[in-house]
Amino acid sequence: MIENLPPCPKCSCEYTYELNALVVCPECGHEWVPSESDAEGGGAAGERVVKDSVGNVLQDGDAVVVVKALKVKGNPSGIKAGTKVRNIRLVDGVDGHDIDCKIDGFGAMQLKSSVVKKV
């Protein structure tokens, strides 16, 4: 248990509480995973957190499943819902495409984190 919980990064509320591995703000309902530097009072403002369609935090090397059918330009079939993608890499992409991956049968492509779910 963290002795001094960090204030909420969204509303700056100081009455945050721990819920399993998350820290929760009772005022705005924001949930986040505290980093080690937050526990020491340093704060990690430069870190970018990427979440999937249900709110799970994604990291490099995770496996995800596509949750909705996607059209692929130049390919008549597209990507079906339920397609498993392994070993993703998080990038700063264009138009919200923040996952770089390789899909069997399609090759390398970028996906939005809002259309995948962590396995």
PDB file of N, CA and C in Angstrom:
ATOM      1  N   MET A   1       0.831  -1.180   0.000  1.00  0.00           N
ATOM      2  CA  MET A   1       0.000   0.000   0.000  1.00  0.00           C
ATOM      3  C   MET A   1       0.875   1.242   0.000  1.00  0.00           C
ATOM      4  N   ILE A   2       0.520   2.208  -0.804  1.00  0.00           N
ATOM      5  CA  ILE A   2       1.267   3.453  -0.891  1.00  0.00           C
ATOM      6  C   ILE A   2       0.847   4.346   0.279  1.00  0.00           C
ATOM      7  N   GLU A   3       1.840   4.856   1.014  1.00  0.00           N
ATOM      8  CA  GLU A   3       1.545   5.684   2.184  1.00  0.00           C
ATOM      9  C   GLU A   3       0.922   7.018   1.772  1.00  0.00           C
ATOM     10  N   ASN A   4       1.585   7.777   0.919  1.00  0.00           N
ATOM     11  CA  ASN A   4       1.101   9.078   0.466  1.00  0.00           C
ATOM     12  C   ASN A   4       0.627   8.946  -0.966  1.00  0.00           C
ATOM     13  N   LEU A   5      -0.665   8.851  -1.154  1.00  0.00           N
ATOM     14  CA  LEU A   5      -1.215   8.694  -2.494  1.00  0.00           C
ATOM     15  C   LEU A   5      -1.149  10.023  -3.245  1.00  0.00           C
ATOM     16  N   PRO A   6      -0.831   9.974  -4.550  1.00  0.00           N
ATOM     17  CA  PRO A   6      -0.744  11.210  -5.322  1.00  0.00           C
ATOM     18  C   PRO A   6      -2.133  11.800  -5.561  1.00  0.00           C
ATOM     19  N   PRO A   7      -2.219  13.115  -5.760  1.00  0.00           N
ATOM     20  CA  PRO A   7      -3.521  13.715  -6.084  1.00  0.00           C
ATOM     21  C   PRO A   7      -3.949  13.322  -7.493  1.00  0.00           C
ATOM     22  N   CYS A   8      -5.219  13.480  -7.770  1.00  0.00           N
ATOM     23  CA  CYS A   8      -5.770  13.134  -9.080  1.00  0.00           C
ATOM     24  C   CYS A   8      -5.132  14.009 -10.162  1.00  0.00           C
ATOM     25  N   PRO A   9      -4.634  13.401 -11.270  1.00  0.00           N
ATOM     26  CA  PRO A   9      -4.037  14.196 -12.340  1.00  0.00           C
ATOM     27  C   PRO A   9      -5.067  14.994 -13.150  1.00  0.00           C
ATOM     28  N   LYS A  10      -6.341  14.639 -13.062  1.00  0.00           N
ATOM     29  CA  LYS A  10      -7.367  15.363 -13.819  1.00  0.00           C
ATOM     30  C   LYS A  10      -7.930  16.544 -13.054  1.00  0.00           C
ATOM     31  N   CYS A  11      -8.347  16.314 -11.792  1.00  0.00           N
ATOM     32  CA  CYS A  11      -9.037  17.380 -11.043  1.00  0.00           C
ATOM     33  C   CYS A  11      -8.251  17.850  -9.824  1.00  0.00           C
ATOM     34  N   SER A  12      -7.087  17.266  -9.565  1.00  0.00           N
ATOM     35  CA  SER A  12      -6.205  17.629  -8.449  1.00  0.00           C
ATOM     36  C   SER A  12      -6.811  17.362  -7.076  1.00  0.00           C
ATOM     37  N   CYS A  13      -7.773  16.475  -6.994  1.00  0.00           N
ATOM     38  CA  CYS A  13      -8.381  16.110  -5.721  1.00  0.00           C
ATOM     39  C   CYS A  13      -7.352  15.354  -4.877  1.00  0.00           C
ATOM     40  N   GLU A  14      -7.263  15.683  -3.604  1.00  0.00           N
ATOM     41  CA  GLU A  14      -6.278  15.038  -2.742  1.00  0.00           C
ATOM     42  C   GLU A  14      -6.830  13.832  -1.990  1.00  0.00           C
ATOM     43  N   TYR A  15      -8.118  13.519  -2.160  1.00  0.00           N
ATOM     44  CA  TYR A  15      -8.759  12.426  -1.436  1.00  0.00           C
ATOM     45  C   TYR A  15      -8.796  11.135  -2.252  1.00  0.00           C
ATOM     46  N   THR A  16      -7.716  10.806  -2.927  1.00  0.00           N
ATOM     47  CA  THR A  16      -7.660   9.590  -3.732  1.00  0.00           C
ATOM     48  C   THR A  16      -7.511   8.375  -2.824  1.00  0.00           C
ATOM     49  N   TYR A  17      -7.905   7.224  -3.360  1.00  0.00           N
ATOM     50  CA  TYR A  17      -7.775   5.982  -2.598  1.00  0.00           C
ATOM     51  C   TYR A  17      -7.329   4.862  -3.524  1.00  0.00           C
ATOM     52  N   GLU A  18      -6.796   3.801  -2.913  1.00  0.00           N
ATOM     53  CA  GLU A  18      -6.268   2.663  -3.651  1.00  0.00           C
ATOM     54  C   GLU A  18      -7.350   1.610  -3.834  1.00  0.00           C
ATOM     55  N   LEU A  19      -7.431   1.050  -5.042  1.00  0.00           N
ATOM     56  CA  LEU A  19      -8.362  -0.026  -5.344  1.00  0.00           C
ATOM     57  C   LEU A  19      -7.580  -1.058  -6.146  1.00  0.00           C
ATOM     58  N   ASN A  20      -7.149  -2.132  -5.484  1.00  0.00           N
ATOM     59  CA  ASN A  20      -6.257  -3.141  -6.070  1.00  0.00           C
ATOM     60  C   ASN A  20      -4.984  -2.451  -6.547  1.00  0.00           C
ATOM     61  N   ALA A  21      -4.679  -2.491  -7.840  1.00  0.00           N
ATOM     62  CA  ALA A  21      -3.453  -1.878  -8.354  1.00  0.00           C
ATOM     63  C   ALA A  21      -3.692  -0.461  -8.853  1.00  0.00           C
ATOM     64  N   LEU A  22      -4.927   0.025  -8.778  1.00  0.00           N
ATOM     65  CA  LEU A  22      -5.264   1.351  -9.288  1.00  0.00           C
ATOM     66  C   LEU A  22      -5.400   2.356  -8.164  1.00  0.00           C
ATOM     67  N   VAL A  23      -5.279   3.634  -8.526  1.00  0.00           N
ATOM     68  CA  VAL A  23      -5.610   4.727  -7.622  1.00  0.00           C
ATOM     69  C   VAL A  23      -6.844   5.388  -8.217  1.00  0.00           C
ATOM     70  N   VAL A  24      -7.849   5.680  -7.371  1.00  0.00           N
ATOM     71  CA  VAL A  24      -9.142   6.178  -7.833  1.00  0.00           C
ATOM     72  C   VAL A  24      -9.423   7.529  -7.189  1.00  0.00           C
ATOM     73  N   CYS A  25      -9.997   8.436  -7.984  1.00  0.00           N
ATOM     74  CA  CYS A  25     -10.419   9.741  -7.478  1.00  0.00           C
ATOM     75  C   CYS A  25     -11.917   9.674  -7.184  1.00  0.00           C
ATOM     76  N   PRO A  26     -12.348   9.985  -5.951  1.00  0.00           N
ATOM     77  CA  PRO A  26     -13.771   9.910  -5.625  1.00  0.00           C
ATOM     78  C   PRO A  26     -14.593  11.049  -6.230  1.00  0.00           C
ATOM     79  N   GLU A  27     -13.956  12.155  -6.588  1.00  0.00           N
ATOM     80  CA  GLU A  27     -14.699  13.302  -7.116  1.00  0.00           C
ATOM     81  C   GLU A  27     -15.019  13.175  -8.598  1.00  0.00           C
ATOM     82  N   CYS A  28     -14.007  12.843  -9.417  1.00  0.00           N
ATOM     83  CA  CYS A  28     -14.251  12.773 -10.865  1.00  0.00           C
ATOM     84  C   CYS A  28     -14.315  11.339 -11.383  1.00  0.00           C
ATOM     85  N   GLY A  29     -13.943  10.341 -10.565  1.00  0.00           N
ATOM     86  CA  GLY A  29     -14.020   8.944 -10.976  1.00  0.00           C
ATOM     87  C   GLY A  29     -12.846   8.471 -11.811  1.00  0.00           C
ATOM     88  N   HIS A  30     -11.821   9.299 -11.984  1.00  0.00           N
ATOM     89  CA  HIS A  30     -10.648   8.931 -12.790  1.00  0.00           C
ATOM     90  C   HIS A  30      -9.868   7.824 -12.091  1.00  0.00           C
ATOM     91  N   GLU A  31      -9.439   6.809 -12.866  1.00  0.00           N
ATOM     92  CA  GLU A  31      -8.634   5.711 -12.351  1.00  0.00           C
ATOM     93  C   GLU A  31      -7.321   5.665 -13.099  1.00  0.00           C
ATOM     94  N   TRP A  32      -6.213   5.418 -12.404  1.00  0.00           N
ATOM     95  CA  TRP A  32      -4.919   5.321 -13.046  1.00  0.00           C
ATOM     96  C   TRP A  32      -4.007   4.417 -12.249  1.00  0.00           C
ATOM     97  N   VAL A  33      -2.948   3.949 -12.920  1.00  0.00           N
ATOM     98  CA  VAL A  33      -1.948   3.099 -12.289  1.00  0.00           C
ATOM     99  C   VAL A  33      -0.829   4.012 -11.810  1.00  0.00           C
ATOM    100  N   PRO A  34      -0.568   4.031 -10.506  1.00  0.00           N
ATOM    101  CA  PRO A  34       0.503   4.912 -10.022  1.00  0.00           C
ATOM    102  C   PRO A  34       1.866   4.350 -10.408  1.00  0.00           C
ATOM    103  N   SER A  35       2.755   5.227 -10.836  1.00  0.00           N
ATOM    104  CA  SER A  35       4.112   4.788 -11.153  1.00  0.00           C
ATOM    105  C   SER A  35       4.966   4.936  -9.907  1.00  0.00           C
ATOM    106  N   GLU A  36       6.151   4.369  -9.921  1.00  0.00           N
ATOM    107  CA  GLU A  36       7.033   4.429  -8.762  1.00  0.00           C
ATOM    108  C   GLU A  36       7.409   5.867  -8.433  1.00  0.00           C
ATOM    109  N   SER A  37       7.618   6.711  -9.447  1.00  0.00           N
ATOM    110  CA  SER A  37       8.001   8.092  -9.193  1.00  0.00           C
ATOM    111  C   SER A  37       6.848   8.868  -8.572  1.00  0.00           C
ATOM    112  N   ASP A  38       5.571   8.489  -8.852  1.00  0.00           N
ATOM    113  CA  ASP A  38       4.436   9.136  -8.209  1.00  0.00           C
ATOM    114  C   ASP A  38       4.424   8.818  -6.721  1.00  0.00           C
ATOM    115  N   ALA A  39       4.770   7.604  -6.365  1.00  0.00           N
ATOM    116  CA  ALA A  39       4.766   7.203  -4.968  1.00  0.00           C
ATOM    117  C   ALA A  39       5.833   7.964  -4.187  1.00  0.00           C
ATOM    118  N   GLU A  40       6.919   8.340  -4.870  1.00  0.00           N
ATOM    119  CA  GLU A  40       7.982   9.091  -4.224  1.00  0.00           C
ATOM    120  C   GLU A  40       7.737  10.587  -4.306  1.00  0.00           C
ATOM    121  N   GLY A  41       6.697  11.002  -5.004  1.00  0.00           N
ATOM    122  CA  GLY A  41       6.373  12.415  -5.096  1.00  0.00           C
ATOM    123  C   GLY A  41       6.971  13.098  -6.312  1.00  0.00           C
ATOM    124  N   GLY A  42       7.613  12.360  -7.207  1.00  0.00           N
ATOM    125  CA  GLY A  42       8.272  12.966  -8.363  1.00  0.00           C
ATOM    126  C   GLY A  42       7.309  13.312  -9.467  1.00  0.00           C
ATOM    127  N   GLY A  43       6.369  12.416  -9.775  1.00  0.00           N
ATOM    128  CA  GLY A  43       5.428  12.663 -10.864  1.00  0.00           C
ATOM    129  C   GLY A  43       6.066  12.329 -12.193  1.00  0.00           C
ATOM    130  N   ALA A  44       5.321  11.670 -13.079  1.00  0.00           N
ATOM    131  CA  ALA A  44       5.828  11.295 -14.391  1.00  0.00           C
ATOM    132  C   ALA A  44       4.979  11.980 -15.449  1.00  0.00           C
ATOM    133  N   ALA A  45       5.233  13.249 -15.680  1.00  0.00           N
ATOM    134  CA  ALA A  45       4.408  14.027 -16.596  1.00  0.00           C
ATOM    135  C   ALA A  45       4.683  13.670 -18.054  1.00  0.00           C
ATOM    136  N   GLY A  46       5.896  13.196 -18.376  1.00  0.00           N
ATOM    137  CA  GLY A  46       6.256  12.929 -19.760  1.00  0.00           C
ATOM    138  C   GLY A  46       5.780  11.575 -20.270  1.00  0.00           C
ATOM    139  N   GLU A  47       5.345  10.687 -19.392  1.00  0.00           N
ATOM    140  CA  GLU A  47       4.917   9.361 -19.814  1.00  0.00           C
ATOM    141  C   GLU A  47       3.547   9.413 -20.453  1.00  0.00           C
ATOM    142  N   ARG A  48       3.390   8.654 -21.548  1.00  0.00           N
ATOM    143  CA  ARG A  48       2.116   8.584 -22.251  1.00  0.00           C
ATOM    144  C   ARG A  48       1.511   7.226 -21.951  1.00  0.00           C
ATOM    145  N   VAL A  49       0.268   7.206 -21.495  1.00  0.00           N
ATOM    146  CA  VAL A  49      -0.423   5.967 -21.173  1.00  0.00           C
ATOM    147  C   VAL A  49      -1.411   5.677 -22.293  1.00  0.00           C
ATOM    148  N   VAL A  50      -1.308   4.480 -22.880  1.00  0.00           N
ATOM    149  CA  VAL A  50      -2.210   4.059 -23.948  1.00  0.00           C
ATOM    150  C   VAL A  50      -3.116   2.981 -23.386  1.00  0.00           C
ATOM    151  N   LYS A  51      -4.438   3.182 -23.536  1.00  0.00           N
ATOM    152  CA  LYS A  51      -5.415   2.221 -23.028  1.00  0.00           C
ATOM    153  C   LYS A  51      -6.200   1.618 -24.181  1.00  0.00           C
ATOM    154  N   ASP A  52      -6.637   0.366 -23.985  1.00  0.00           N
ATOM    155  CA  ASP A  52      -7.433  -0.305 -25.009  1.00  0.00           C
ATOM    156  C   ASP A  52      -8.892   0.118 -24.912  1.00  0.00           C
ATOM    157  N   SER A  53      -9.772  -0.561 -25.640  1.00  0.00           N
ATOM    158  CA  SER A  53     -11.178  -0.163 -25.718  1.00  0.00           C
ATOM    159  C   SER A  53     -11.931  -0.319 -24.404  1.00  0.00           C
ATOM    160  N   VAL A  54     -11.433  -1.144 -23.483  1.00  0.00           N
ATOM    161  CA  VAL A  54     -12.109  -1.337 -22.199  1.00  0.00           C
ATOM    162  C   VAL A  54     -11.347  -0.714 -21.033  1.00  0.00           C
ATOM    163  N   GLY A  55     -10.259  -0.005 -21.314  1.00  0.00           N
ATOM    164  CA  GLY A  55      -9.541   0.723 -20.279  1.00  0.00           C
ATOM    165  C   GLY A  55      -8.303   0.051 -19.729  1.00  0.00           C
ATOM    166  N   ASN A  56      -7.895  -1.083 -20.260  1.00  0.00           N
ATOM    167  CA  ASN A  56      -6.667  -1.737 -19.810  1.00  0.00           C
ATOM    168  C   ASN A  56      -5.469  -0.980 -20.364  1.00  0.00           C
ATOM    169  N   VAL A  57      -4.430  -0.820 -19.568  1.00  0.00           N
ATOM    170  CA  VAL A  57      -3.220  -0.127 -19.995  1.00  0.00           C
ATOM    171  C   VAL A  57      -2.413  -1.070 -20.889  1.00  0.00           C
ATOM    172  N   LEU A  58      -2.025  -0.581 -22.063  1.00  0.00           N
ATOM    173  CA  LEU A  58      -1.246  -1.371 -23.008  1.00  0.00           C
ATOM    174  C   LEU A  58       0.234  -1.050 -22.877  1.00  0.00           C
ATOM    175  N   GLN A  59       1.074  -2.072 -23.140  1.00  0.00           N
ATOM    176  CA  GLN A  59       2.518  -1.910 -23.117  1.00  0.00           C
ATOM    177  C   GLN A  59       3.108  -2.603 -24.332  1.00  0.00           C
ATOM    178  N   ASP A  60       4.356  -2.249 -24.663  1.00  0.00           N
ATOM    179  CA  ASP A  60       5.045  -2.913 -25.771  1.00  0.00           C
ATOM    180  C   ASP A  60       5.121  -4.411 -25.513  1.00  0.00           C
ATOM    181  N   GLY A  61       4.860  -5.205 -26.557  1.00  0.00           N
ATOM    182  CA  GLY A  61       4.949  -6.661 -26.450  1.00  0.00           C
ATOM    183  C   GLY A  61       3.663  -7.347 -26.046  1.00  0.00           C
ATOM    184  N   ASP A  62       2.614  -6.593 -25.729  1.00  0.00           N
ATOM    185  CA  ASP A  62       1.330  -7.196 -25.349  1.00  0.00           C
ATOM    186  C   ASP A  62       0.672  -7.869 -26.541  1.00  0.00           C
ATOM    187  N   ALA A  63      -0.259  -8.769 -26.246  1.00  0.00           N
ATOM    188  CA  ALA A  63      -1.100  -9.389 -27.272  1.00  0.00           C
ATOM    189  C   ALA A  63      -2.491  -8.785 -27.143  1.00  0.00           C
ATOM    190  N   VAL A  64      -3.108  -8.459 -28.280  1.00  0.00           N
ATOM    191  CA  VAL A  64      -4.435  -7.849 -28.288  1.00  0.00           C
ATOM    192  C   VAL A  64      -5.323  -8.563 -29.287  1.00  0.00           C
ATOM    193  N   VAL A  65      -6.639  -8.330 -29.152  1.00  0.00           N
ATOM    194  CA  VAL A  65      -7.623  -8.868 -30.083  1.00  0.00           C
ATOM    195  C   VAL A  65      -8.399  -7.700 -30.667  1.00  0.00           C
ATOM    196  N   VAL A  66      -8.618  -7.710 -31.977  1.00  0.00           N
ATOM    197  CA  VAL A  66      -9.400  -6.673 -32.640  1.00  0.00           C
ATOM    198  C   VAL A  66     -10.862  -6.884 -32.267  1.00  0.00           C
ATOM    199  N   VAL A  67     -11.548  -5.818 -31.785  1.00  0.00           N
ATOM    200  CA  VAL A  67     -12.911  -5.965 -31.285  1.00  0.00           C
ATOM    201  C   VAL A  67     -13.981  -5.625 -32.312  1.00  0.00           C
ATOM    202  N   LYS A  68     -13.616  -4.995 -33.427  1.00  0.00           N
ATOM    203  CA  LYS A  68     -14.606  -4.725 -34.469  1.00  0.00           C
ATOM    204  C   LYS A  68     -13.971  -4.906 -35.832  1.00  0.00           C
ATOM    205  N   ALA A  69     -14.784  -5.238 -36.818  1.00  0.00           N
ATOM    206  CA  ALA A  69     -14.286  -5.467 -38.171  1.00  0.00           C
ATOM    207  C   ALA A  69     -13.737  -4.159 -38.727  1.00  0.00           C
ATOM    208  N   LEU A  70     -12.575  -4.257 -39.377  1.00  0.00           N
ATOM    209  CA  LEU A  70     -11.908  -3.072 -39.924  1.00  0.00           C
ATOM    210  C   LEU A  70     -11.735  -3.214 -41.426  1.00  0.00           C
ATOM    211  N   LYS A  71     -12.025  -2.144 -42.142  1.00  0.00           N
ATOM    212  CA  LYS A  71     -11.775  -2.128 -43.576  1.00  0.00           C
ATOM    213  C   LYS A  71     -10.322  -1.755 -43.801  1.00  0.00           C
ATOM    214  N   VAL A  72      -9.687  -2.424 -44.757  1.00  0.00           N
ATOM    215  CA  VAL A  72      -8.300  -2.144 -45.089  1.00  0.00           C
ATOM    216  C   VAL A  72      -8.259  -1.665 -46.521  1.00  0.00           C
ATOM    217  N   LYS A  73      -7.694  -0.502 -46.731  1.00  0.00           N
ATOM    218  CA  LYS A  73      -7.624   0.082 -48.059  1.00  0.00           C
ATOM    219  C   LYS A  73      -6.828  -0.842 -48.990  1.00  0.00           C
ATOM    220  N   GLY A  74      -7.378  -1.159 -50.129  1.00  0.00           N
ATOM    221  CA  GLY A  74      -6.714  -2.009 -51.097  1.00  0.00           C
ATOM    222  C   GLY A  74      -6.900  -3.494 -50.863  1.00  0.00           C
ATOM    223  N   ASN A  75      -7.683  -3.871 -49.862  1.00  0.00           N
ATOM    224  CA  ASN A  75      -7.919  -5.280 -49.578  1.00  0.00           C
ATOM    225  C   ASN A  75      -9.424  -5.485 -49.440  1.00  0.00           C
ATOM    226  N   PRO A  76     -10.002  -6.392 -50.235  1.00  0.00           N
ATOM    227  CA  PRO A  76     -11.457  -6.542 -50.211  1.00  0.00           C
ATOM    228  C   PRO A  76     -12.009  -7.160 -48.922  1.00  0.00           C
ATOM    229  N   SER A  77     -11.217  -7.970 -48.208  1.00  0.00           N
ATOM    230  CA  SER A  77     -11.768  -8.676 -47.046  1.00  0.00           C
ATOM    231  C   SER A  77     -11.667  -7.897 -45.745  1.00  0.00           C
ATOM    232  N   GLY A  78     -10.604  -7.169 -45.508  1.00  0.00           N
ATOM    233  CA  GLY A  78     -10.433  -6.432 -44.264  1.00  0.00           C
ATOM    234  C   GLY A  78     -10.006  -7.331 -43.122  1.00  0.00           C
ATOM    235  N   ILE A  79     -10.022  -6.778 -41.915  1.00  0.00           N
ATOM    236  CA  ILE A  79      -9.644  -7.521 -40.715  1.00  0.00           C
ATOM    237  C   ILE A  79     -10.909  -7.833 -39.937  1.00  0.00           C
ATOM    238  N   LYS A  80     -11.115  -9.110 -39.633  1.00  0.00           N
ATOM    239  CA  LYS A  80     -12.323  -9.534 -38.929  1.00  0.00           C
ATOM    240  C   LYS A  80     -12.187  -9.288 -37.432  1.00  0.00           C
ATOM    241  N   ALA A  81     -13.318  -9.085 -36.775  1.00  0.00           N
ATOM    242  CA  ALA A  81     -13.333  -8.973 -35.322  1.00  0.00           C
ATOM    243  C   ALA A  81     -12.878 -10.300 -34.725  1.00  0.00           C
ATOM    244  N   GLY A  82     -12.072 -10.255 -33.692  1.00  0.00           N
ATOM    245  CA  GLY A  82     -11.552 -11.463 -33.073  1.00  0.00           C
ATOM    246  C   GLY A  82     -10.165 -11.851 -33.552  1.00  0.00           C
ATOM    247  N   THR A  83      -9.604 -11.096 -34.493  1.00  0.00           N
ATOM    248  CA  THR A  83      -8.262 -11.383 -34.983  1.00  0.00           C
ATOM    249  C   THR A  83      -7.256 -11.066 -33.883  1.00  0.00           C
ATOM    250  N   LYS A  84      -6.395 -12.029 -33.570  1.00  0.00           N
ATOM    251  CA  LYS A  84      -5.410 -11.849 -32.514  1.00  0.00           C
ATOM    252  C   LYS A  84      -4.132 -11.248 -33.094  1.00  0.00           C
ATOM    253  N   VAL A  85      -3.606 -10.255 -32.409  1.00  0.00           N
ATOM    254  CA  VAL A  85      -2.378  -9.583 -32.815  1.00  0.00           C
ATOM    255  C   VAL A  85      -1.390  -9.698 -31.664  1.00  0.00           C
ATOM    256  N   ARG A  86      -0.224 -10.265 -31.938  1.00  0.00           N
ATOM    257  CA  ARG A  86       0.785 -10.456 -30.897  1.00  0.00           C
ATOM    258  C   ARG A  86       1.918  -9.456 -31.060  1.00  0.00           C
ATOM    259  N   ASN A  87       2.587  -9.197 -29.948  1.00  0.00           N
ATOM    260  CA  ASN A  87       3.803  -8.394 -29.922  1.00  0.00           C
ATOM    261  C   ASN A  87       3.599  -7.002 -30.521  1.00  0.00           C
ATOM    262  N   ILE A  88       2.696  -6.235 -29.933  1.00  0.00           N
ATOM    263  CA  ILE A  88       2.444  -4.884 -30.417  1.00  0.00           C
ATOM    264  C   ILE A  88       3.547  -3.939 -29.953  1.00  0.00           C
ATOM    265  N   ARG A  89       3.647  -2.808 -30.642  1.00  0.00           N
ATOM    266  CA  ARG A  89       4.599  -1.768 -30.258  1.00  0.00           C
ATOM    267  C   ARG A  89       3.856  -0.440 -30.230  1.00  0.00           C
ATOM    268  N   LEU A  90       3.966   0.302 -29.145  1.00  0.00           N
ATOM    269  CA  LEU A  90       3.281   1.579 -29.015  1.00  0.00           C
ATOM    270  C   LEU A  90       4.112   2.679 -29.662  1.00  0.00           C
ATOM    271  N   VAL A  91       3.454   3.484 -30.506  1.00  0.00           N
ATOM    272  CA  VAL A  91       4.129   4.555 -31.238  1.00  0.00           C
ATOM    273  C   VAL A  91       3.275   5.821 -31.187  1.00  0.00           C
ATOM    274  N   ASP A  92       3.870   6.935 -31.564  1.00  0.00           N
ATOM    275  CA  ASP A  92       3.126   8.175 -31.759  1.00  0.00           C
ATOM    276  C   ASP A  92       2.750   8.234 -33.229  1.00  0.00           C
ATOM    277  N   GLY A  93       1.605   7.674 -33.568  1.00  0.00           N
ATOM    278  CA  GLY A  93       1.195   7.571 -34.961  1.00  0.00           C
ATOM    279  C   GLY A  93       0.386   8.765 -35.421  1.00  0.00           C
ATOM    280  N   VAL A  94      -0.114   8.663 -36.646  1.00  0.00           N
ATOM    281  CA  VAL A  94      -0.913   9.710 -37.265  1.00  0.00           C
ATOM    282  C   VAL A  94      -2.391   9.400 -37.066  1.00  0.00           C
ATOM    283  N   ASP A  95      -3.208  10.406 -36.786  1.00  0.00           N
ATOM    284  CA  ASP A  95      -4.662  10.278 -36.640  1.00  0.00           C
ATOM    285  C   ASP A  95      -5.079   9.274 -35.566  1.00  0.00           C
ATOM    286  N   GLY A  96      -4.343   9.203 -34.475  1.00  0.00           N
ATOM    287  CA  GLY A  96      -4.727   8.326 -33.376  1.00  0.00           C
ATOM    288  C   GLY A  96      -4.290   6.884 -33.525  1.00  0.00           C
ATOM    289  N   HIS A  97      -3.566   6.554 -34.568  1.00  0.00           N
ATOM    290  CA  HIS A  97      -3.061   5.189 -34.748  1.00  0.00           C
ATOM    291  C   HIS A  97      -1.815   5.057 -33.868  1.00  0.00           C
ATOM    292  N   ASP A  98      -1.981   4.473 -32.677  1.00  0.00           N
ATOM    293  CA  ASP A  98      -0.890   4.440 -31.724  1.00  0.00           C
ATOM    294  C   ASP A  98      -0.324   3.043 -31.468  1.00  0.00           C
ATOM    295  N   ILE A  99      -0.728   2.058 -32.274  1.00  0.00           N
ATOM    296  CA  ILE A  99      -0.199   0.700 -32.158  1.00  0.00           C
ATOM    297  C   ILE A  99       0.406   0.298 -33.501  1.00  0.00           C
ATOM    298  N   ASP A 100       1.657  -0.122 -33.468  1.00  0.00           N
ATOM    299  CA  ASP A 100       2.337  -0.625 -34.652  1.00  0.00           C
ATOM    300  C   ASP A 100       2.414  -2.138 -34.491  1.00  0.00           C
ATOM    301  N   CYS A 101       1.970  -2.894 -35.499  1.00  0.00           N
ATOM    302  CA  CYS A 101       1.930  -4.345 -35.356  1.00  0.00           C
ATOM    303  C   CYS A 101       2.063  -5.022 -36.712  1.00  0.00           C
ATOM    304  N   LYS A 102       2.122  -6.332 -36.660  1.00  0.00           N
ATOM    305  CA  LYS A 102       2.191  -7.165 -37.860  1.00  0.00           C
ATOM    306  C   LYS A 102       1.060  -8.172 -37.757  1.00  0.00           C
ATOM    307  N   ILE A 103       0.153  -8.178 -38.738  1.00  0.00           N
ATOM    308  CA  ILE A 103      -0.993  -9.078 -38.727  1.00  0.00           C
ATOM    309  C   ILE A 103      -0.794 -10.123 -39.809  1.00  0.00           C
ATOM    310  N   ASP A 104      -0.962 -11.396 -39.430  1.00  0.00           N
ATOM    311  CA  ASP A 104      -0.807 -12.492 -40.386  1.00  0.00           C
ATOM    312  C   ASP A 104      -1.785 -12.313 -41.538  1.00  0.00           C
ATOM    313  N   GLY A 105      -1.293 -12.390 -42.755  1.00  0.00           N
ATOM    314  CA  GLY A 105      -2.124 -12.247 -43.938  1.00  0.00           C
ATOM    315  C   GLY A 105      -2.242 -10.814 -44.437  1.00  0.00           C
ATOM    316  N   PHE A 106      -1.841  -9.830 -43.618  1.00  0.00           N
ATOM    317  CA  PHE A 106      -1.919  -8.425 -44.014  1.00  0.00           C
ATOM    318  C   PHE A 106      -0.564  -7.739 -43.986  1.00  0.00           C
ATOM    319  N   GLY A 107       0.300  -8.149 -43.081  1.00  0.00           N
ATOM    320  CA  GLY A 107       1.604  -7.518 -42.954  1.00  0.00           C
ATOM    321  C   GLY A 107       1.609  -6.430 -41.896  1.00  0.00           C
ATOM    322  N   ALA A 108       2.575  -5.531 -42.005  1.00  0.00           N
ATOM    323  CA  ALA A 108       2.728  -4.466 -41.021  1.00  0.00           C
ATOM    324  C   ALA A 108       1.657  -3.404 -41.203  1.00  0.00           C
ATOM    325  N   MET A 109       1.091  -2.952 -40.089  1.00  0.00           N
ATOM    326  CA  MET A 109       0.097  -1.878 -40.135  1.00  0.00           C
ATOM    327  C   MET A 109      -0.013  -1.219 -38.773  1.00  0.00           C
ATOM    328  N   GLN A 110      -0.715  -0.096 -38.748  1.00  0.00           N
ATOM    329  CA  GLN A 110      -0.958   0.616 -37.500  1.00  0.00           C
ATOM    330  C   GLN A 110      -2.436   0.548 -37.164  1.00  0.00           C
ATOM    331  N   LEU A 111      -2.733   0.389 -35.879  1.00  0.00           N
ATOM    332  CA  LEU A 111      -4.107   0.323 -35.392  1.00  0.00           C
ATOM    333  C   LEU A 111      -4.340   1.377 -34.328  1.00  0.00           C
ATOM    334  N   LYS A 112      -5.606   1.705 -34.111  1.00  0.00           N
ATOM    335  CA  LYS A 112      -5.967   2.579 -33.016  1.00  0.00           C
ATOM    336  C   LYS A 112      -6.203   1.726 -31.774  1.00  0.00           C
ATOM    337  N   SER A 113      -5.826   2.241 -30.625  1.00  0.00           N
ATOM    338  CA  SER A 113      -6.017   1.489 -29.394  1.00  0.00           C
ATOM    339  C   SER A 113      -7.493   1.343 -29.050  1.00  0.00           C
ATOM    340  N   SER A 114      -8.352   2.166 -29.632  1.00  0.00           N
ATOM    341  CA  SER A 114      -9.781   2.097 -29.328  1.00  0.00           C
ATOM    342  C   SER A 114     -10.477   0.920 -30.009  1.00  0.00           C
ATOM    343  N   VAL A 115      -9.801   0.203 -30.908  1.00  0.00           N
ATOM    344  CA  VAL A 115     -10.440  -0.927 -31.601  1.00  0.00           C
ATOM    345  C   VAL A 115      -9.824  -2.262 -31.206  1.00  0.00           C
ATOM    346  N   VAL A 116      -9.017  -2.282 -30.121  1.00  0.00           N
ATOM    347  CA  VAL A 116      -8.412  -3.531 -29.659  1.00  0.00           C
ATOM    348  C   VAL A 116      -8.699  -3.727 -28.187  1.00  0.00           C
ATOM    349  N   LYS A 117      -8.570  -4.987 -27.747  1.00  0.00           N
ATOM    350  CA  LYS A 117      -8.736  -5.340 -26.339  1.00  0.00           C
ATOM    351  C   LYS A 117      -7.557  -6.222 -25.945  1.00  0.00           C
ATOM    352  N   LYS A 118      -6.959  -5.941 -24.796  1.00  0.00           N
ATOM    353  CA  LYS A 118      -5.824  -6.706 -24.313  1.00  0.00           C
ATOM    354  C   LYS A 118      -6.251  -8.129 -23.974  1.00  0.00           C
ATOM    355  N   VAL A 119      -5.409  -9.096 -24.324  1.00  0.00           N
ATOM    356  CA  VAL A 119      -5.719 -10.502 -24.057  1.00  0.00           C
ATOM    357  C   VAL A 119      -5.245 -10.876 -22.683  1.00  0.00           C
TER     358      VAL A 119
END
